[in-house]
Amino acid sequence: MKFIDESKIEVIAGNGGNGAASFRHEKYIEKGGPDGGDGGRGGSVFAVADRNINTLVDYRFARMHRAKNGESGRGADCYGKGADDIILRMPVGTVITDVNSGQIIADLTHDGEKIQLAKGGAGGLGNLHFKSSTNRTPRQCTPGEEGERRELQLELKVLADVGLLGMPNAGKSTFIRAVSAARPKVADYPFTTLHPNLGVVRVSEEKSFVIADIPGLIEGAAEGAGLGHQFLRHLARTRLLLHIVDLAPMYEGVDPVHEAHAILNELKKYDEDLYNKPRWLVLNKLDLLQDREEKVAAFLKEFGDHTRYFAISAISGEGCKELTYAIMEHINQIAAQEQDAIAESAQETGIEIYDPTA
């Protein structure tokens, strides 16, 4: 399936049916009075998050989604039938934005989450609603309301705990293959990864986390060079970034320190918040180095960033298990901090939090 993570659509809710102006006409019944029914409501358009969908490809070509109008009211107290709603199923992680106002309408982060995108128009009132002791033959009725119409931008941000950063051929895809069941393409040329890959890393029977691999970045990515800039949004929800550095570049004259700093510069240009996320260095391809300890020490001294680092070989698996254990511990600490913050906020507001383990 082709991976699509951006799309523009137009949603049009149905108009409400018109109310009817009618009078009862039956044999032997004089002055039967008004009996015009109301119009039915127009259909609304809803979005529902579905964990079984992982791309927006369905909305690349189906751009317009229109609900039906409600039926008009009729005589003999007959109300018009309301139109059915339209349900648009989208991947979990989809952000829906109104193109005209720029307002974020929804951020679908949970499976089954449902949001109304366009409200159907209410049905008009029939003349039976306007009868009174002084107006026994009302001839007025109201038309149905128009349904809402919106142009929407859909943007998919994949849900992952850990995101991988790095230049093309740094070994990101090899690493995700080494620690998870995901099988992204691996080859000895740049840009083998053309779209994000997700892998579930299972540390134990009860503990696991999701890792995201995006196409490699190059210098100028923030201005649109290369492929990776198109997918940096997928790192926005992650709790930890792994900056994978190739210590044994396949081309002569390539400086790993320069490339590592280039990645950080592009990240900072793209999004300051993303740059400030917790970030670890992962020095890859130890299997290709003869004097590995000296190369690692020299890199760290010249790089100058005092972030946490790990030295691994993704192809042989050396150091990968220790790294996954450290990641799991970090994620658990963050999760515990988030739970404490929620509990503290609930205590201040007096809201009772349900604990399923109690």
Protein backbone atom coordinates (compact mmCIF):
# COMPACT_ATOMS: atom_id res chain seq x y z
CA MET A 1 0.00 0.00 0.00
CA LYS A 2 1.31 3.47 -0.87
CA PHE A 3 2.05 5.54 2.22
CA ILE A 4 0.19 8.86 2.20
CA ASP A 5 0.42 11.12 5.24
CA GLU A 6 -1.10 14.38 3.92
CA SER A 7 -4.30 15.14 2.08
CA LYS A 8 -6.88 17.87 1.56
CA ILE A 9 -10.57 17.04 1.53
CA GLU A 10 -13.87 18.91 1.43
CA VAL A 11 -16.76 17.82 3.63
CA ILE A 12 -20.30 19.00 2.96
CA ALA A 13 -23.11 18.25 5.37
CA GLY A 14 -26.64 17.82 4.10
CA ASN A 15 -29.25 20.58 4.15
CA GLY A 16 -32.30 20.23 6.32
CA GLY A 17 -35.61 19.52 4.58
CA ASN A 18 -38.17 22.30 4.23
CA GLY A 19 -41.22 22.47 6.45
CA ALA A 20 -44.61 22.06 4.76
CA ALA A 21 -47.58 24.44 4.75
CA SER A 22 -50.62 22.19 4.42
CA PHE A 23 -54.17 21.91 5.71
CA ARG A 24 -56.26 18.89 6.52
CA HIS A 25 -58.77 18.13 3.79
CA GLU A 26 -61.18 15.30 4.46
CA LYS A 27 -64.79 14.72 3.61
CA TYR A 28 -67.25 15.96 6.25
CA ILE A 29 -64.45 17.69 8.16
CA GLU A 30 -64.52 21.45 7.75
CA LYS A 31 -61.66 23.65 8.77
CA GLY A 32 -59.42 20.71 9.58
CA GLY A 33 -56.58 23.03 10.46
CA PRO A 34 -52.86 23.00 9.63
CA ASP A 35 -51.12 19.64 9.23
CA GLY A 36 -47.82 20.48 7.56
CA GLY A 37 -44.94 18.40 8.94
CA ASP A 38 -41.35 19.38 9.67
CA GLY A 39 -38.45 18.69 7.36
CA GLY A 40 -35.84 16.06 8.24
CA ARG A 41 -32.34 17.02 9.35
CA GLY A 42 -29.45 16.84 6.91
CA GLY A 43 -26.74 14.24 7.31
CA SER A 44 -23.59 15.19 9.25
CA VAL A 45 -20.00 14.18 8.49
CA PHE A 46 -17.94 12.50 11.25
CA ALA A 47 -14.33 11.32 11.50
CA VAL A 48 -13.50 8.19 13.50
CA ALA A 49 -10.00 7.01 14.43
CA ASP A 50 -9.40 3.42 13.34
CA ARG A 51 -6.25 1.53 14.42
CA ASN A 52 -6.63 -0.83 11.44
CA ILE A 53 -5.83 2.01 9.01
CA ASN A 54 -2.25 3.29 8.76
CA THR A 55 -2.28 5.72 5.84
CA LEU A 56 -4.41 8.51 4.32
CA VAL A 57 -4.26 7.00 0.85
CA ASP A 58 -8.07 6.66 0.75
CA TYR A 59 -8.34 10.45 0.81
CA ARG A 60 -5.75 11.19 -1.86
CA PHE A 61 -8.27 10.76 -4.69
CA ALA A 62 -11.62 10.84 -2.86
CA ARG A 63 -11.47 14.56 -2.07
CA MET A 64 -15.15 15.44 -1.66
CA HIS A 65 -17.47 13.84 0.91
CA ARG A 66 -21.09 15.01 0.78
CA ALA A 67 -23.92 13.91 3.06
CA LYS A 68 -27.48 13.75 1.75
CA ASN A 69 -30.18 16.34 2.41
CA GLY A 70 -33.10 15.72 4.71
CA GLU A 71 -36.54 15.12 3.18
CA SER A 72 -39.08 17.92 3.15
CA GLY A 73 -42.16 17.69 5.33
CA ARG A 74 -45.55 16.81 3.87
CA GLY A 75 -49.20 17.16 4.75
CA ALA A 76 -51.16 14.91 7.10
CA ASP A 77 -48.59 15.56 9.84
CA CYS A 78 -45.90 13.70 7.86
CA TYR A 79 -42.38 14.64 8.93
CA GLY A 80 -39.52 14.36 6.47
CA LYS A 81 -36.93 11.62 6.97
CA GLY A 82 -33.54 12.62 8.32
CA ALA A 83 -30.52 11.77 6.18
CA ASP A 84 -27.87 9.27 7.25
CA ASP A 85 -24.56 10.53 8.59
CA ILE A 86 -21.26 9.87 6.81
CA ILE A 87 -18.43 8.24 8.77
CA LEU A 88 -14.86 8.84 7.55
CA ARG A 89 -12.40 6.35 9.05
CA MET A 90 -8.89 7.73 9.55
CA PRO A 91 -5.62 6.44 11.04
CA VAL A 92 -4.93 7.00 14.72
CA GLY A 93 -2.65 10.05 14.89
CA THR A 94 -4.46 12.13 12.25
CA VAL A 95 -4.59 15.88 12.85
CA ILE A 96 -7.53 17.62 11.15
CA THR A 97 -7.20 21.36 10.45
CA ASP A 98 -9.64 23.84 8.92
CA VAL A 99 -7.87 25.24 5.85
CA ASN A 100 -9.59 28.64 5.94
CA SER A 101 -9.22 29.46 9.64
CA GLY A 102 -6.12 27.39 10.42
CA GLN A 103 -7.87 26.03 13.52
CA ILE A 104 -7.15 22.44 14.57
CA ILE A 105 -10.53 20.69 14.67
CA ALA A 106 -9.37 17.35 16.00
CA ASP A 107 -6.31 15.33 16.94
CA LEU A 108 -7.31 11.67 16.75
CA THR A 109 -5.03 9.99 19.28
CA HIS A 110 -7.22 7.08 20.46
CA ASP A 111 -8.82 4.22 18.58
CA GLY A 112 -12.56 4.79 18.23
CA GLU A 113 -12.34 8.55 18.90
CA LYS A 114 -15.15 10.32 17.03
CA ILE A 115 -15.43 13.98 16.02
CA GLN A 116 -18.00 15.91 14.02
CA LEU A 117 -16.46 17.59 10.98
CA ALA A 118 -19.58 19.19 9.47
CA LYS A 119 -23.00 19.49 11.08
CA GLY A 120 -26.11 18.74 9.05
CA GLY A 121 -28.74 21.45 8.76
CA ALA A 122 -31.83 21.33 10.98
CA GLY A 123 -35.17 20.63 9.30
CA GLY A 124 -37.61 23.47 8.74
CA LEU A 125 -40.83 23.80 10.74
CA GLY A 126 -44.20 22.94 9.23
CA ASN A 127 -47.18 25.25 9.64
CA LEU A 128 -48.70 23.11 12.40
CA HIS A 129 -46.17 24.74 14.74
CA PHE A 130 -47.59 28.20 14.06
CA LYS A 131 -51.22 27.60 14.94
CA SER A 132 -52.67 29.52 17.87
CA SER A 133 -55.99 30.75 19.19
CA THR A 134 -55.64 33.87 17.08
CA ASN A 135 -54.00 32.30 14.02
CA ARG A 136 -55.99 29.22 13.15
CA THR A 137 -54.93 29.01 9.51
CA PRO A 138 -51.17 29.70 9.52
CA ARG A 139 -49.64 29.63 6.11
CA GLN A 140 -46.06 30.19 7.18
CA CYS A 141 -43.42 27.52 7.36
CA THR A 142 -39.62 27.68 7.52
CA PRO A 143 -37.02 26.32 5.11
CA GLY A 144 -34.38 23.84 6.26
CA GLU A 145 -31.02 25.12 7.39
CA GLU A 146 -27.97 24.71 5.20
CA GLY A 147 -25.41 22.11 6.24
CA GLU A 148 -21.87 23.12 7.12
CA ARG A 149 -19.21 23.05 4.45
CA ARG A 150 -15.50 22.85 5.25
CA GLU A 151 -12.20 22.41 3.49
CA LEU A 152 -9.91 20.34 5.69
CA GLN A 153 -6.22 19.49 5.81
CA LEU A 154 -5.45 15.96 7.02
CA GLU A 155 -2.00 15.32 8.45
CA LEU A 156 -0.90 11.98 9.85
CA LYS A 157 1.58 11.97 12.74
CA VAL A 158 2.42 8.40 13.61
CA LEU A 159 2.23 7.40 17.27
CA ALA A 160 5.59 6.12 18.47
CA ASP A 161 7.56 6.21 21.72
CA VAL A 162 10.97 6.48 20.06
CA GLY A 163 12.01 8.18 16.83
CA LEU A 164 15.18 7.56 14.79
CA LEU A 165 17.25 10.43 13.35
CA GLY A 166 20.23 10.18 11.08
CA MET A 167 21.79 10.67 7.68
CA PRO A 168 20.96 8.27 4.84
CA ASN A 169 22.78 4.95 5.33
CA ALA A 170 23.44 5.62 9.03
CA GLY A 171 21.88 2.24 9.79
CA LYS A 172 18.43 3.25 11.05
CA SER A 173 16.58 0.57 9.11
CA THR A 174 19.13 -2.06 10.11
CA PHE A 175 18.69 -1.07 13.75
CA ILE A 176 14.90 -1.30 13.63
CA ARG A 177 15.23 -4.74 12.00
CA ALA A 178 17.63 -5.81 14.76
CA VAL A 179 15.38 -4.86 17.68
CA SER A 180 11.87 -5.45 16.30
CA ALA A 181 9.89 -7.59 13.88
CA ALA A 182 9.66 -4.75 11.34
CA ARG A 183 11.41 -5.43 8.04
CA PRO A 184 12.21 -2.14 6.29
CA LYS A 185 14.32 -2.18 3.15
CA VAL A 186 18.09 -2.28 3.70
CA ALA A 187 20.71 -1.72 0.98
CA ASP A 188 24.13 -0.10 0.45
CA TYR A 189 22.82 3.11 -1.17
CA PRO A 190 21.16 6.24 0.22
CA PHE A 191 17.42 6.74 0.68
CA THR A 192 16.39 3.10 0.93
CA THR A 193 13.68 4.28 3.36
CA LEU A 194 11.05 6.22 1.43
CA HIS A 195 8.33 6.35 4.08
CA PRO A 196 8.11 5.92 7.87
CA ASN A 197 8.34 2.42 9.30
CA LEU A 198 7.02 1.38 12.70
CA GLY A 199 8.36 -1.48 14.78
CA VAL A 200 7.27 -2.86 18.14
CA VAL A 201 10.23 -3.64 20.41
CA ARG A 202 9.28 -6.24 23.02
CA VAL A 203 11.61 -6.09 26.01
CA SER A 204 9.62 -8.66 28.01
CA GLU A 205 6.19 -10.26 27.93
CA GLU A 206 4.64 -7.25 29.67
CA LYS A 207 6.87 -4.42 28.41
CA SER A 208 7.24 -3.07 24.89
CA PHE A 209 7.55 0.22 23.01
CA VAL A 210 7.03 1.49 19.46
CA ILE A 211 9.90 2.84 17.41
CA ALA A 212 9.60 4.95 14.23
CA ASP A 213 12.14 5.05 11.39
CA ILE A 214 11.87 7.99 8.97
CA PRO A 215 13.83 8.67 5.77
CA GLY A 216 17.32 10.04 6.37
CA LEU A 217 17.97 13.77 6.64
CA ILE A 218 20.54 15.75 4.69
CA GLU A 219 21.78 19.32 4.95
CA GLY A 220 19.12 21.71 3.76
CA ALA A 221 16.29 19.41 4.84
CA ALA A 222 14.49 22.22 6.67
CA GLU A 223 14.34 24.11 3.34
CA GLY A 224 12.99 21.04 1.52
CA ALA A 225 16.09 19.16 0.40
CA GLY A 226 15.95 15.37 0.44
CA LEU A 227 13.11 13.25 1.76
CA GLY A 228 13.33 13.32 5.55
CA HIS A 229 11.89 16.82 6.03
CA GLN A 230 8.54 15.58 4.75
CA PHE A 231 8.32 13.11 7.63
CA LEU A 232 9.80 15.05 10.57
CA ARG A 233 6.24 15.60 11.79
CA HIS A 234 6.15 11.91 12.69
CA LEU A 235 8.72 12.54 15.43
CA ALA A 236 6.56 15.19 17.13
CA ARG A 237 4.76 12.73 19.41
CA THR A 238 7.79 10.67 20.40
CA ARG A 239 9.17 10.64 23.95
CA LEU A 240 12.77 10.03 22.94
CA LEU A 241 14.91 10.62 19.86
CA LEU A 242 17.78 8.31 18.92
CA HIS A 243 20.37 10.11 16.81
CA ILE A 244 22.12 7.33 14.89
CA VAL A 245 25.59 8.21 13.62
CA ASP A 246 27.61 6.21 11.10
CA LEU A 247 31.15 5.88 12.50
CA ALA A 248 32.34 4.07 9.36
CA PRO A 249 31.01 6.08 6.37
CA MET A 250 30.94 4.27 3.04
CA TYR A 251 32.42 7.29 1.20
CA GLU A 252 35.89 8.72 1.83
CA GLY A 253 36.12 12.24 3.16
CA VAL A 254 32.81 12.06 5.03
CA ASP A 255 33.18 13.42 8.56
CA PRO A 256 30.76 11.78 11.08
CA VAL A 257 31.04 14.77 13.44
CA HIS A 258 30.09 17.24 10.71
CA GLU A 259 27.14 15.08 9.64
CA ALA A 260 25.93 14.71 13.24
CA HIS A 261 25.99 18.49 13.76
CA ALA A 262 24.22 18.97 10.41
CA ILE A 263 21.34 16.77 11.60
CA LEU A 264 20.96 18.82 14.78
CA ASN A 265 21.01 22.08 12.82
CA GLU A 266 18.25 20.88 10.52
CA LEU A 267 16.23 19.67 13.48
CA LYS A 268 16.53 23.05 15.19
CA LYS A 269 15.54 24.91 12.03
CA TYR A 270 12.49 22.71 11.57
CA ASP A 271 11.07 22.81 15.11
CA GLU A 272 12.61 24.13 18.34
CA ASP A 273 10.37 21.89 20.45
CA LEU A 274 11.48 18.82 18.53
CA TYR A 275 15.11 19.84 18.96
CA ASN A 276 14.61 20.12 22.74
CA LYS A 277 13.19 16.61 23.12
CA PRO A 278 15.32 14.06 25.02
CA ARG A 279 17.91 12.83 22.53
CA TRP A 280 20.54 10.07 22.78
CA LEU A 281 23.51 9.45 20.53
CA VAL A 282 23.75 5.96 19.02
CA LEU A 283 27.16 5.38 17.45
CA ASN A 284 26.65 2.64 14.88
CA LYS A 285 28.77 0.22 12.80
CA LEU A 286 31.29 -0.79 15.45
CA ASP A 287 31.79 -4.03 13.52
CA LEU A 288 33.61 -2.08 10.76
CA LEU A 289 36.08 -0.39 13.13
CA GLN A 290 39.45 -1.80 14.15
CA ASP A 291 40.23 0.73 16.90
CA ARG A 292 36.64 1.23 18.03
CA GLU A 293 37.34 2.65 21.50
CA GLU A 294 39.67 5.32 20.13
CA LYS A 295 37.20 6.24 17.34
CA VAL A 296 34.30 6.53 19.80
CA ALA A 297 36.34 8.64 22.21
CA ALA A 298 37.59 10.92 19.41
CA PHE A 299 34.08 11.41 18.08
CA LEU A 300 32.65 12.30 21.48
CA LYS A 301 35.47 14.76 22.19
CA GLU A 302 35.05 16.57 18.88
CA PHE A 303 31.24 16.41 18.88
CA GLY A 304 31.12 18.14 22.25
CA ASP A 305 27.49 17.37 23.07
CA HIS A 306 27.21 15.88 26.55
CA THR A 307 24.08 13.88 25.80
CA ARG A 308 23.81 10.19 26.72
CA TYR A 309 25.39 7.87 24.16
CA PHE A 310 25.51 4.18 23.20
CA ALA A 311 27.93 2.41 20.87
CA ILE A 312 26.39 -0.46 18.90
CA SER A 313 26.57 -2.59 15.80
CA ALA A 314 23.09 -2.92 14.35
CA ILE A 315 24.15 -5.57 11.82
CA SER A 316 25.58 -7.91 14.48
CA GLY A 317 23.28 -6.86 17.33
CA GLU A 318 26.15 -5.81 19.59
CA GLY A 319 24.92 -3.34 22.22
CA CYS A 320 21.33 -3.34 20.91
CA LYS A 321 19.83 -5.25 23.83
CA GLU A 322 21.38 -2.92 26.40
CA LEU A 323 20.06 0.06 24.44
CA THR A 324 16.50 -1.29 24.34
CA TYR A 325 16.55 -1.91 28.11
CA ALA A 326 17.71 1.68 28.70
CA ILE A 327 14.97 2.99 26.39
CA MET A 328 12.31 0.98 28.22
CA GLU A 329 13.51 2.32 31.57
CA HIS A 330 13.43 5.90 30.25
CA ILE A 331 9.91 5.49 28.87
CA ASN A 332 8.68 4.01 32.16
CA GLN A 333 10.13 6.99 34.05
CA ILE A 334 8.39 9.45 31.74
CA ALA A 335 5.11 7.52 32.01
CA ALA A 336 5.37 7.60 35.82
CA GLN A 337 6.01 11.34 35.77
CA GLU A 338 2.98 11.87 33.52
CA GLN A 339 0.79 9.82 35.86
CA ASP A 340 2.02 11.83 38.86
CA ALA A 341 1.23 15.07 37.02
CA ILE A 342 -2.27 13.83 36.17
CA ALA A 343 -2.88 12.75 39.77
CA GLU A 344 -1.63 16.09 41.09
CA SER A 345 -3.84 18.00 38.67
CA ALA A 346 -6.83 15.83 39.62
CA GLN A 347 -6.18 16.48 43.31
CA GLU A 348 -6.15 20.23 42.73
CA THR A 349 -9.37 20.16 40.70
CA GLY A 350 -11.12 17.53 42.83
CA ILE A 351 -11.58 15.14 39.90
CA GLU A 352 -11.52 11.44 40.82
CA ILE A 353 -9.18 9.30 38.69
CA TYR A 354 -10.17 5.71 37.95
CA ASP A 355 -7.38 3.23 38.65
CA PRO A 356 -7.97 -0.08 36.79
CA THR A 357 -5.37 -1.87 38.93
CA ALA A 358 -7.16 -1.07 42.22
